[in-house]
Amino acid sequence: MIEYSRERLSRDEMIAAARAFLETLRKRRTVREFSSDPVPDEVIDLAIEAAASAPSGANQQPWKFVVVRDLDVKREIRIAAEKEEYENYHGRMPEEWLRARAPLTHTPSPMGFLREILKRPKNEKAYLLVPVGYPAEGCRVPDIKKKPLGEVRQLF
């Protein structure tokens, strides 16, 4: 064990930091049209480092992050993902789910195709596919609304 010490922000500093973080998250959208401009490697590495800092049971850190740069592999993933999506929306998903997601985009699940394309070990299971990039000029995204705080927060 080591001693834990961290600067404690004032109430106003905490609120300002939380507001800034919330505003960043509110701007997030699912983009399907990307610019060809590359995201700096350091940004990708910092995002992975942040994700890998999450807590895990017994600190086992069971995750792997695979960065795909090869355009042919990206294309293969896109084709496989679109095939999986098609199968989901034409037989796997109940009608209620289809109506609810009609205006939104959705990452297909299951994603076994990723293990095959990326030649990952059989014991690995993909949980998340995160396309990273800059939105293409003129890109359009769904105009989504989130539930207000009163609908998602419960106090005891």
Protein backbone atom coordinates (compact mmCIF):
# COMPACT_ATOMS: atom_id res chain seq x y z
CA MET A 1 0.00 0.00 0.00
CA ILE A 2 1.09 3.58 -0.65
CA GLU A 3 -0.19 6.82 0.76
CA TYR A 4 -2.79 8.54 -1.42
CA SER A 5 -2.62 12.28 -1.70
CA ARG A 6 -4.36 14.55 -4.16
CA GLU A 7 -5.04 18.25 -4.24
CA ARG A 8 -8.59 19.00 -3.12
CA LEU A 9 -10.26 21.61 -5.29
CA SER A 10 -12.48 24.29 -3.88
CA ARG A 11 -16.25 23.92 -4.38
CA ASP A 12 -16.18 26.48 -7.23
CA GLU A 13 -13.18 24.81 -8.90
CA MET A 14 -14.88 21.39 -8.74
CA ILE A 15 -18.09 22.75 -10.21
CA ALA A 16 -16.21 24.56 -13.00
CA ALA A 17 -14.21 21.41 -13.86
CA ALA A 18 -17.37 19.26 -13.81
CA ARG A 19 -19.21 21.76 -16.05
CA ALA A 20 -16.32 21.85 -18.55
CA PHE A 21 -16.24 18.04 -18.65
CA LEU A 22 -20.03 17.86 -19.13
CA GLU A 23 -19.89 20.37 -21.98
CA THR A 24 -17.20 18.29 -23.69
CA LEU A 25 -19.36 15.15 -23.35
CA ARG A 26 -22.49 16.96 -24.61
CA LYS A 27 -20.69 17.73 -27.88
CA ARG A 28 -19.93 14.05 -28.52
CA ARG A 29 -21.80 12.52 -31.44
CA THR A 30 -21.61 9.29 -33.40
CA VAL A 31 -19.97 10.25 -36.68
CA ARG A 32 -20.10 8.02 -39.74
CA GLU A 33 -18.32 10.33 -42.19
CA PHE A 34 -14.68 11.06 -41.45
CA SER A 35 -12.03 13.38 -42.84
CA SER A 36 -8.84 11.77 -44.12
CA ASP A 37 -6.80 13.98 -41.75
CA PRO A 38 -4.93 11.72 -39.30
CA VAL A 39 -5.41 12.04 -35.55
CA PRO A 40 -2.00 12.46 -33.86
CA ASP A 41 -0.58 9.21 -32.47
CA GLU A 42 -0.08 10.86 -29.09
CA VAL A 43 -3.82 11.63 -28.85
CA ILE A 44 -4.66 7.97 -29.55
CA ASP A 45 -2.08 6.83 -26.99
CA LEU A 46 -3.40 9.23 -24.34
CA ALA A 47 -6.98 8.04 -24.94
CA ILE A 48 -5.85 4.42 -24.54
CA GLU A 49 -3.88 5.28 -21.43
CA ALA A 50 -6.96 6.99 -19.96
CA ALA A 51 -9.18 3.99 -20.77
CA ALA A 52 -6.60 1.56 -19.38
CA SER A 53 -6.57 3.46 -16.09
CA ALA A 54 -10.10 2.26 -15.29
CA PRO A 55 -10.49 0.05 -12.25
CA SER A 56 -10.80 -3.70 -12.74
CA GLY A 57 -11.51 -6.65 -10.45
CA ALA A 58 -8.38 -7.55 -8.48
CA ASN A 59 -6.57 -5.04 -10.74
CA GLN A 60 -6.32 -7.72 -13.44
CA GLN A 61 -6.62 -5.13 -16.25
CA PRO A 62 -7.98 -7.69 -18.71
CA TRP A 63 -8.19 -5.35 -21.70
CA LYS A 64 -6.32 -4.98 -24.94
CA PHE A 65 -6.66 -2.00 -27.28
CA VAL A 66 -6.04 -2.59 -30.97
CA VAL A 67 -5.29 0.46 -33.13
CA VAL A 68 -6.07 -0.10 -36.80
CA ARG A 69 -4.29 2.17 -39.27
CA ASP A 70 -4.29 0.01 -42.39
CA LEU A 71 -6.97 1.31 -44.80
CA ASP A 72 -7.64 -2.15 -46.24
CA VAL A 73 -8.24 -3.56 -42.75
CA LYS A 74 -10.51 -0.60 -41.91
CA ARG A 75 -12.50 -1.28 -45.08
CA GLU A 76 -12.77 -4.98 -44.20
CA ILE A 77 -14.03 -4.08 -40.71
CA ARG A 78 -16.58 -1.66 -42.16
CA ILE A 79 -17.92 -4.28 -44.58
CA ALA A 80 -18.15 -6.91 -41.82
CA ALA A 81 -19.80 -4.43 -39.41
CA GLU A 82 -22.36 -3.41 -42.02
CA LYS A 83 -23.14 -7.07 -42.72
CA GLU A 84 -23.60 -7.71 -38.97
CA GLU A 85 -25.82 -4.63 -38.68
CA TYR A 86 -27.94 -5.80 -41.60
CA GLU A 87 -28.44 -9.21 -40.00
CA ASN A 88 -29.35 -7.55 -36.68
CA TYR A 89 -31.95 -5.26 -38.23
CA HIS A 90 -33.41 -7.88 -40.55
CA GLY A 91 -34.22 -10.72 -38.20
CA ARG A 92 -32.37 -10.56 -34.87
CA MET A 93 -33.74 -7.41 -33.25
CA PRO A 94 -37.33 -7.08 -31.98
CA GLU A 95 -39.57 -4.49 -33.66
CA GLU A 96 -39.59 -2.29 -30.52
CA TRP A 97 -35.78 -1.96 -30.64
CA LEU A 98 -35.86 -1.16 -34.35
CA ARG A 99 -38.36 1.68 -33.78
CA ALA A 100 -36.31 3.09 -30.87
CA ARG A 101 -33.05 3.20 -32.78
CA ALA A 102 -34.51 4.36 -36.11
CA PRO A 103 -33.03 7.90 -35.92
CA LEU A 104 -29.69 6.75 -34.42
CA THR A 105 -26.57 4.85 -35.47
CA HIS A 106 -25.54 1.67 -33.71
CA THR A 107 -22.42 -0.49 -33.51
CA PRO A 108 -23.24 -4.11 -34.33
CA SER A 109 -23.09 -6.78 -31.72
CA PRO A 110 -21.89 -9.51 -31.59
CA MET A 111 -18.53 -8.47 -33.03
CA GLY A 112 -16.82 -11.81 -33.55
CA PHE A 113 -15.77 -10.57 -36.98
CA LEU A 114 -13.20 -8.28 -35.29
CA ARG A 115 -11.35 -11.22 -33.73
CA GLU A 116 -11.12 -12.86 -37.15
CA ILE A 117 -10.09 -9.76 -39.11
CA LEU A 118 -7.56 -8.59 -36.51
CA LYS A 119 -6.25 -12.13 -35.91
CA ARG A 120 -6.84 -11.91 -32.14
CA PRO A 121 -6.63 -14.91 -29.79
CA LYS A 122 -9.81 -16.96 -29.30
CA ASN A 123 -9.96 -15.99 -25.61
CA GLU A 124 -10.44 -12.31 -26.51
CA LYS A 125 -13.91 -10.90 -27.06
CA ALA A 126 -14.44 -7.47 -28.61
CA TYR A 127 -16.76 -5.30 -26.55
CA LEU A 128 -16.34 -1.97 -28.26
CA LEU A 129 -15.43 -0.60 -31.65
CA VAL A 130 -14.44 3.06 -31.47
CA PRO A 131 -13.95 4.85 -34.77
CA VAL A 132 -11.60 7.78 -34.16
CA GLY A 133 -11.13 10.74 -36.44
CA TYR A 134 -12.20 14.19 -37.43
CA PRO A 135 -15.70 14.63 -38.87
CA ALA A 136 -15.75 15.17 -42.62
CA GLU A 137 -16.69 18.64 -43.74
CA GLY A 138 -20.47 18.86 -43.99
CA CYS A 139 -20.92 15.72 -41.87
CA ARG A 140 -24.42 15.36 -40.42
CA VAL A 141 -25.37 13.63 -37.17
CA PRO A 142 -28.71 12.85 -35.47
CA ASP A 143 -30.26 15.69 -33.47
CA ILE A 144 -30.56 13.73 -30.22
CA LYS A 145 -32.00 14.83 -26.90
CA LYS A 146 -30.95 13.34 -23.58
CA LYS A 147 -33.28 12.70 -20.66
CA PRO A 148 -33.22 15.49 -18.08
CA LEU A 149 -31.40 14.93 -14.80
CA GLY A 150 -34.66 14.43 -12.93
CA GLU A 151 -35.47 11.36 -15.04
CA VAL A 152 -32.13 9.61 -14.55
CA ARG A 153 -31.13 10.54 -10.98
CA GLN A 154 -32.64 8.97 -7.89
CA LEU A 155 -31.97 10.20 -4.39
CA PHE A 156 -32.23 8.02 -1.29
